[in-house]
Amino acid sequence: VTSLVATALVTVTNTAHDDYRSTFLDRWRYGALRLVSVAADDSRFPGITTPGWVDVVINILSTLLLIAVVYAAFRSRRAVDALTPEDEAKLRALLDKHGDRDSLGYFALRREKSAVWSPTGKAAVVYRVVGGVS
């Protein structure tokens, strides 16, 4: 999408003479080159002449895209399915009934956990997501 925005910007601001009309593919290549580099070599694009601010805007777009990708890749996962009061009550009932055999069972009652119940409700798997992995 960013390369298409760069292509549209190059198309709108292209002030090259009509001797050589650049094709859409030429304008797309120019925009894509500006997205990945700051090189000022325009010799490969004789039909494209843009103001200097266009290259700066395209470089800013690529920087914003890089920041967005890094943010999306490294952000922490939001807690989606935290224990509900109903889940907590059912877990407490299970621990009251069978907790003497499980010394770590009360860790299942922590608030950041999520629970998956068996169809009968007699068992539950309690888990926590850390870094997008449970």
N, C-alpha and C. Protein backbone atom coordinates (compact mmCIF):
# COMPACT_ATOMS: atom_id res chain seq x y z
N VAL A 1 0.83 -1.18 0.00
CA VAL A 1 0.00 0.00 0.00
C VAL A 1 0.88 1.26 0.00
N THR A 2 1.93 1.23 0.79
CA THR A 2 2.81 2.39 0.85
C THR A 2 3.47 2.65 -0.50
N SER A 3 3.82 1.59 -1.21
CA SER A 3 4.43 1.79 -2.53
C SER A 3 3.43 2.41 -3.51
N LEU A 4 2.15 2.08 -3.37
CA LEU A 4 1.14 2.70 -4.24
C LEU A 4 0.92 4.17 -3.88
N VAL A 5 1.00 4.50 -2.59
CA VAL A 5 0.91 5.91 -2.19
C VAL A 5 2.11 6.68 -2.74
N ALA A 6 3.29 6.08 -2.66
CA ALA A 6 4.49 6.73 -3.22
C ALA A 6 4.35 6.89 -4.73
N THR A 7 3.81 5.89 -5.42
CA THR A 7 3.60 5.98 -6.87
C THR A 7 2.62 7.08 -7.21
N ALA A 8 1.55 7.19 -6.45
CA ALA A 8 0.57 8.26 -6.70
C ALA A 8 1.20 9.63 -6.48
N LEU A 9 2.02 9.75 -5.46
CA LEU A 9 2.69 11.03 -5.18
C LEU A 9 3.66 11.39 -6.31
N VAL A 10 4.39 10.41 -6.82
CA VAL A 10 5.30 10.65 -7.94
C VAL A 10 4.50 11.02 -9.19
N THR A 11 3.40 10.36 -9.43
CA THR A 11 2.57 10.64 -10.61
C THR A 11 2.03 12.06 -10.57
N VAL A 12 1.57 12.50 -9.42
CA VAL A 12 0.97 13.83 -9.30
C VAL A 12 2.02 14.93 -9.43
N THR A 13 3.23 14.69 -8.92
CA THR A 13 4.25 15.75 -8.89
C THR A 13 5.30 15.63 -9.98
N ASN A 14 5.16 14.69 -10.90
CA ASN A 14 6.15 14.49 -11.96
C ASN A 14 6.13 15.69 -12.92
N THR A 15 7.29 16.35 -13.05
CA THR A 15 7.40 17.52 -13.94
C THR A 15 8.34 17.26 -15.11
N ALA A 16 8.53 16.00 -15.47
CA ALA A 16 9.42 15.66 -16.59
C ALA A 16 8.80 16.13 -17.90
N HIS A 17 9.66 16.38 -18.88
CA HIS A 17 9.19 16.78 -20.21
C HIS A 17 8.44 15.64 -20.87
N ASP A 18 7.65 15.95 -21.85
CA ASP A 18 6.85 14.94 -22.54
C ASP A 18 7.65 14.11 -23.52
N ASP A 19 8.96 14.35 -23.68
CA ASP A 19 9.77 13.58 -24.62
C ASP A 19 9.76 12.09 -24.26
N TYR A 20 9.82 11.81 -22.99
CA TYR A 20 9.77 10.42 -22.55
C TYR A 20 8.74 10.33 -21.44
N ARG A 21 7.66 9.66 -21.70
CA ARG A 21 6.61 9.50 -20.69
C ARG A 21 6.92 8.27 -19.85
N SER A 22 7.00 8.45 -18.58
CA SER A 22 7.25 7.31 -17.70
C SER A 22 5.99 6.46 -17.59
N THR A 23 6.18 5.17 -17.52
CA THR A 23 5.06 4.26 -17.36
C THR A 23 4.72 4.13 -15.88
N PHE A 24 3.59 3.50 -15.62
CA PHE A 24 3.21 3.26 -14.23
C PHE A 24 4.27 2.42 -13.53
N LEU A 25 4.80 1.43 -14.23
CA LEU A 25 5.83 0.57 -13.64
C LEU A 25 7.09 1.37 -13.31
N ASP A 26 7.47 2.32 -14.18
CA ASP A 26 8.63 3.18 -13.88
C ASP A 26 8.37 4.00 -12.63
N ARG A 27 7.19 4.58 -12.51
CA ARG A 27 6.87 5.41 -11.34
C ARG A 27 6.81 4.55 -10.07
N TRP A 28 6.30 3.32 -10.22
CA TRP A 28 6.25 2.42 -9.07
C TRP A 28 7.66 2.04 -8.62
N ARG A 29 8.53 1.73 -9.58
CA ARG A 29 9.92 1.39 -9.24
C ARG A 29 10.62 2.56 -8.56
N TYR A 30 10.38 3.77 -9.06
CA TYR A 30 10.98 4.97 -8.46
C TYR A 30 10.50 5.11 -7.01
N GLY A 31 9.19 4.99 -6.80
CA GLY A 31 8.65 5.10 -5.44
C GLY A 31 9.17 4.01 -4.52
N ALA A 32 9.25 2.77 -5.04
CA ALA A 32 9.75 1.66 -4.22
C ALA A 32 11.23 1.86 -3.88
N LEU A 33 12.01 2.37 -4.84
CA LEU A 33 13.43 2.64 -4.56
C LEU A 33 13.56 3.70 -3.47
N ARG A 34 12.72 4.71 -3.52
CA ARG A 34 12.77 5.76 -2.50
C ARG A 34 12.30 5.25 -1.14
N LEU A 35 11.44 4.23 -1.14
CA LEU A 35 10.99 3.66 0.13
C LEU A 35 12.10 2.92 0.85
N VAL A 36 13.01 2.30 0.10
CA VAL A 36 14.04 1.47 0.72
C VAL A 36 15.42 2.12 0.75
N SER A 37 15.58 3.28 0.11
CA SER A 37 16.89 3.94 0.13
C SER A 37 16.71 5.45 0.06
N VAL A 38 17.79 6.15 0.36
CA VAL A 38 17.79 7.60 0.24
C VAL A 38 18.74 8.04 -0.87
N ALA A 39 19.10 7.12 -1.74
CA ALA A 39 20.02 7.42 -2.84
C ALA A 39 19.39 8.44 -3.78
N ALA A 40 20.21 9.35 -4.27
CA ALA A 40 19.72 10.41 -5.16
C ALA A 40 20.03 10.12 -6.62
N ASP A 41 20.24 8.87 -6.97
CA ASP A 41 20.59 8.50 -8.34
C ASP A 41 19.32 8.40 -9.18
N ASP A 42 19.06 9.42 -9.99
CA ASP A 42 17.87 9.45 -10.84
C ASP A 42 18.17 9.08 -12.28
N SER A 43 19.38 8.61 -12.58
CA SER A 43 19.76 8.34 -13.96
C SER A 43 18.97 7.17 -14.56
N ARG A 44 18.46 6.29 -13.72
CA ARG A 44 17.69 5.16 -14.23
C ARG A 44 16.25 5.52 -14.55
N PHE A 45 15.84 6.73 -14.20
CA PHE A 45 14.46 7.16 -14.40
C PHE A 45 14.42 8.47 -15.18
N PRO A 46 14.69 8.46 -16.48
CA PRO A 46 14.74 9.71 -17.24
C PRO A 46 13.38 10.38 -17.39
N GLY A 47 12.30 9.67 -17.26
CA GLY A 47 10.97 10.25 -17.42
C GLY A 47 10.35 10.72 -16.13
N ILE A 48 11.14 10.79 -15.07
CA ILE A 48 10.60 11.19 -13.77
C ILE A 48 11.46 12.31 -13.20
N THR A 49 10.84 13.43 -12.95
CA THR A 49 11.49 14.56 -12.29
C THR A 49 10.53 15.06 -11.22
N THR A 50 10.91 14.88 -9.97
CA THR A 50 10.04 15.29 -8.87
C THR A 50 10.75 16.32 -8.01
N PRO A 51 10.00 17.15 -7.30
CA PRO A 51 10.63 18.07 -6.34
C PRO A 51 11.30 17.29 -5.21
N GLY A 52 12.24 17.91 -4.55
CA GLY A 52 12.97 17.25 -3.47
C GLY A 52 12.10 16.83 -2.31
N TRP A 53 11.04 17.60 -2.05
CA TRP A 53 10.19 17.27 -0.91
C TRP A 53 9.44 15.96 -1.11
N VAL A 54 9.25 15.55 -2.36
CA VAL A 54 8.56 14.28 -2.62
C VAL A 54 9.40 13.11 -2.11
N ASP A 55 10.70 13.16 -2.37
CA ASP A 55 11.58 12.10 -1.87
C ASP A 55 11.59 12.07 -0.35
N VAL A 56 11.57 13.24 0.27
CA VAL A 56 11.55 13.31 1.73
C VAL A 56 10.25 12.72 2.27
N VAL A 57 9.12 13.04 1.65
CA VAL A 57 7.83 12.51 2.10
C VAL A 57 7.81 10.99 1.95
N ILE A 58 8.34 10.48 0.85
CA ILE A 58 8.37 9.02 0.65
C ILE A 58 9.27 8.36 1.69
N ASN A 59 10.40 8.97 2.02
CA ASN A 59 11.28 8.42 3.06
C ASN A 59 10.60 8.46 4.43
N ILE A 60 9.85 9.51 4.71
CA ILE A 60 9.10 9.57 5.97
C ILE A 60 8.05 8.48 6.02
N LEU A 61 7.36 8.24 4.89
CA LEU A 61 6.39 7.15 4.83
C LEU A 61 7.04 5.80 5.13
N SER A 62 8.22 5.58 4.58
CA SER A 62 8.89 4.30 4.83
C SER A 62 9.32 4.17 6.29
N THR A 63 9.74 5.28 6.89
CA THR A 63 10.11 5.26 8.30
C THR A 63 8.90 4.96 9.17
N LEU A 64 7.77 5.58 8.87
CA LEU A 64 6.54 5.31 9.63
C LEU A 64 6.10 3.86 9.46
N LEU A 65 6.25 3.33 8.25
CA LEU A 65 5.91 1.93 8.01
C LEU A 65 6.81 1.00 8.84
N LEU A 66 8.10 1.29 8.88
CA LEU A 66 9.03 0.48 9.67
C LEU A 66 8.68 0.53 11.16
N ILE A 67 8.36 1.71 11.66
CA ILE A 67 7.98 1.85 13.07
C ILE A 67 6.71 1.06 13.36
N ALA A 68 5.73 1.12 12.47
CA ALA A 68 4.48 0.38 12.67
C ALA A 68 4.72 -1.13 12.67
N VAL A 69 5.58 -1.60 11.80
CA VAL A 69 5.87 -3.04 11.74
C VAL A 69 6.60 -3.49 13.01
N VAL A 70 7.58 -2.72 13.45
CA VAL A 70 8.32 -3.08 14.67
C VAL A 70 7.39 -3.05 15.87
N TYR A 71 6.52 -2.04 15.96
CA TYR A 71 5.56 -1.97 17.07
C TYR A 71 4.63 -3.18 17.06
N ALA A 72 4.09 -3.53 15.90
CA ALA A 72 3.17 -4.66 15.81
C ALA A 72 3.87 -5.98 16.14
N ALA A 73 5.13 -6.09 15.78
CA ALA A 73 5.86 -7.34 16.01
C ALA A 73 6.25 -7.53 17.48
N PHE A 74 6.54 -6.45 18.18
CA PHE A 74 7.08 -6.58 19.53
C PHE A 74 6.15 -6.12 20.65
N ARG A 75 4.93 -5.77 20.34
CA ARG A 75 4.03 -5.35 21.42
C ARG A 75 3.55 -6.56 22.20
N SER A 76 3.19 -6.33 23.44
CA SER A 76 2.72 -7.44 24.26
C SER A 76 1.25 -7.72 23.96
N ARG A 77 0.87 -8.95 24.15
CA ARG A 77 -0.50 -9.35 23.89
C ARG A 77 -1.40 -8.84 25.00
N ARG A 78 -2.57 -8.40 24.63
CA ARG A 78 -3.54 -7.93 25.61
C ARG A 78 -4.26 -9.14 26.20
N ALA A 79 -4.56 -9.07 27.49
CA ALA A 79 -5.32 -10.14 28.13
C ALA A 79 -6.75 -10.09 27.60
N VAL A 80 -7.15 -11.15 26.94
CA VAL A 80 -8.47 -11.16 26.31
C VAL A 80 -9.47 -11.95 27.13
N ASP A 81 -9.08 -13.13 27.57
CA ASP A 81 -10.01 -14.02 28.25
C ASP A 81 -9.60 -14.22 29.70
N ALA A 82 -9.59 -13.16 30.46
CA ALA A 82 -9.22 -13.29 31.87
C ALA A 82 -10.31 -14.07 32.60
N LEU A 83 -9.97 -14.58 33.78
CA LEU A 83 -10.93 -15.34 34.56
C LEU A 83 -12.14 -14.49 34.91
N THR A 84 -13.30 -15.04 34.68
CA THR A 84 -14.54 -14.36 35.09
C THR A 84 -14.84 -14.77 36.53
N PRO A 85 -15.69 -14.02 37.22
CA PRO A 85 -16.07 -14.43 38.58
C PRO A 85 -16.71 -15.83 38.60
N GLU A 86 -17.43 -16.17 37.54
CA GLU A 86 -18.04 -17.51 37.46
C GLU A 86 -16.96 -18.59 37.36
N ASP A 87 -15.94 -18.33 36.51
CA ASP A 87 -14.82 -19.28 36.39
C ASP A 87 -14.10 -19.43 37.73
N GLU A 88 -13.89 -18.32 38.40
CA GLU A 88 -13.19 -18.38 39.68
C GLU A 88 -13.98 -19.17 40.71
N ALA A 89 -15.29 -18.99 40.74
CA ALA A 89 -16.12 -19.73 41.69
C ALA A 89 -16.08 -21.23 41.38
N LYS A 90 -16.16 -21.59 40.11
CA LYS A 90 -16.11 -23.01 39.73
C LYS A 90 -14.74 -23.61 40.06
N LEU A 91 -13.66 -22.83 39.82
CA LEU A 91 -12.32 -23.33 40.16
C LEU A 91 -12.16 -23.51 41.67
N ARG A 92 -12.70 -22.59 42.45
CA ARG A 92 -12.62 -22.71 43.91
C ARG A 92 -13.38 -23.96 44.39
N ALA A 93 -14.53 -24.22 43.76
CA ALA A 93 -15.28 -25.42 44.13
C ALA A 93 -14.49 -26.68 43.79
N LEU A 94 -13.85 -26.70 42.63
CA LEU A 94 -13.01 -27.86 42.27
C LEU A 94 -11.85 -28.03 43.25
N LEU A 95 -11.23 -26.90 43.63
CA LEU A 95 -10.09 -26.98 44.56
C LEU A 95 -10.54 -27.39 45.96
N ASP A 96 -11.74 -26.95 46.38
CA ASP A 96 -12.25 -27.38 47.68
C ASP A 96 -12.50 -28.88 47.71
N LYS A 97 -12.97 -29.41 46.57
CA LYS A 97 -13.30 -30.83 46.50
C LYS A 97 -12.06 -31.70 46.29
N HIS A 98 -11.13 -31.26 45.42
CA HIS A 98 -9.99 -32.09 45.06
C HIS A 98 -8.64 -31.41 45.33
N GLY A 99 -8.63 -30.30 46.03
CA GLY A 99 -7.40 -29.52 46.19
C GLY A 99 -6.37 -30.12 47.11
N ASP A 100 -6.77 -31.07 47.96
CA ASP A 100 -5.80 -31.66 48.87
C ASP A 100 -4.74 -32.48 48.14
N ARG A 101 -5.03 -32.87 46.89
CA ARG A 101 -4.06 -33.62 46.09
C ARG A 101 -3.19 -32.71 45.22
N ASP A 102 -3.46 -31.41 45.24
CA ASP A 102 -2.75 -30.48 44.34
C ASP A 102 -2.26 -29.29 45.14
N SER A 103 -0.98 -29.28 45.48
CA SER A 103 -0.45 -28.20 46.31
C SER A 103 -0.30 -26.88 45.56
N LEU A 104 -0.26 -26.91 44.22
CA LEU A 104 -0.12 -25.69 43.43
C LEU A 104 -1.43 -25.25 42.78
N GLY A 105 -2.51 -25.88 43.14
CA GLY A 105 -3.80 -25.59 42.51
C GLY A 105 -4.26 -24.16 42.66
N TYR A 106 -3.91 -23.52 43.76
CA TYR A 106 -4.40 -22.16 43.97
C TYR A 106 -3.73 -21.14 43.06
N PHE A 107 -2.66 -21.53 42.39
CA PHE A 107 -2.09 -20.63 41.37
C PHE A 107 -3.06 -20.44 40.20
N ALA A 108 -3.97 -21.37 40.04
CA ALA A 108 -4.96 -21.26 38.96
C ALA A 108 -5.93 -20.11 39.18
N LEU A 109 -5.98 -19.58 40.39
CA LEU A 109 -6.93 -18.52 40.71
C LEU A 109 -6.38 -17.12 40.45
N ARG A 110 -5.18 -17.03 39.96
CA ARG A 110 -4.62 -15.70 39.69
C ARG A 110 -5.37 -15.03 38.56
N ARG A 111 -5.46 -13.72 38.59
CA ARG A 111 -6.32 -12.96 37.68
C ARG A 111 -5.86 -12.95 36.22
N GLU A 112 -4.58 -13.14 35.94
CA GLU A 112 -4.10 -13.07 34.56
C GLU A 112 -4.29 -14.39 33.81
N LYS A 113 -4.84 -15.37 34.47
CA LYS A 113 -5.03 -16.69 33.85
C LYS A 113 -6.31 -16.73 33.03
N SER A 114 -6.37 -17.71 32.14
CA SER A 114 -7.58 -18.02 31.38
C SER A 114 -7.89 -19.49 31.61
N ALA A 115 -9.16 -19.86 31.45
CA ALA A 115 -9.55 -21.25 31.72
C ALA A 115 -10.31 -21.83 30.54
N VAL A 116 -10.04 -23.11 30.29
CA VAL A 116 -10.80 -23.89 29.30
C VAL A 116 -11.40 -25.05 30.07
N TRP A 117 -12.70 -25.18 29.98
CA TRP A 117 -13.43 -26.18 30.76
C TRP A 117 -13.75 -27.41 29.93
N SER A 118 -13.80 -28.56 30.60
CA SER A 118 -14.26 -29.79 29.95
C SER A 118 -15.77 -29.66 29.71
N PRO A 119 -16.33 -30.45 28.80
CA PRO A 119 -17.77 -30.35 28.53
C PRO A 119 -18.63 -30.62 29.77
N THR A 120 -18.14 -31.45 30.68
CA THR A 120 -18.92 -31.76 31.88
C THR A 120 -18.70 -30.75 33.00
N GLY A 121 -17.65 -29.95 32.91
CA GLY A 121 -17.34 -28.97 33.95
C GLY A 121 -16.60 -29.57 35.13
N LYS A 122 -16.17 -30.83 35.02
CA LYS A 122 -15.47 -31.48 36.12
C LYS A 122 -13.97 -31.25 36.09
N ALA A 123 -13.48 -30.66 35.00
CA ALA A 123 -12.04 -30.40 34.88
C ALA A 123 -11.82 -29.11 34.10
N ALA A 124 -10.69 -28.49 34.37
CA ALA A 124 -10.34 -27.24 33.67
C ALA A 124 -8.84 -27.21 33.45
N VAL A 125 -8.46 -26.60 32.34
CA VAL A 125 -7.06 -26.32 32.07
C VAL A 125 -6.91 -24.81 32.19
N VAL A 126 -6.03 -24.38 33.08
CA VAL A 126 -5.83 -22.96 33.32
C VAL A 126 -4.46 -22.60 32.77
N TYR A 127 -4.41 -21.50 32.01
CA TYR A 127 -3.16 -21.13 31.34
C TYR A 127 -3.01 -19.62 31.34
N ARG A 128 -1.80 -19.19 31.05
CA ARG A 128 -1.50 -17.77 30.95
C ARG A 128 -0.71 -17.54 29.67
N VAL A 129 -1.02 -16.47 28.96
CA VAL A 129 -0.32 -16.13 27.74
C VAL A 129 0.81 -15.16 28.08
N VAL A 130 2.04 -15.52 27.65
CA VAL A 130 3.20 -14.67 27.87
C VAL A 130 3.87 -14.44 26.53
N GLY A 131 3.93 -13.20 26.09
CA GLY A 131 4.56 -12.87 24.82
C GLY A 131 3.85 -13.47 23.63
N GLY A 132 2.55 -13.65 23.72
CA GLY A 132 1.79 -14.20 22.62
C GLY A 132 1.80 -15.72 22.55
N VAL A 133 2.42 -16.38 23.54
CA VAL A 133 2.50 -17.84 23.56
C VAL A 133 1.92 -18.33 24.87
N SER A 134 1.03 -19.32 24.80
CA SER A 134 0.47 -19.86 26.04
C SER A 134 1.09 -21.19 26.39
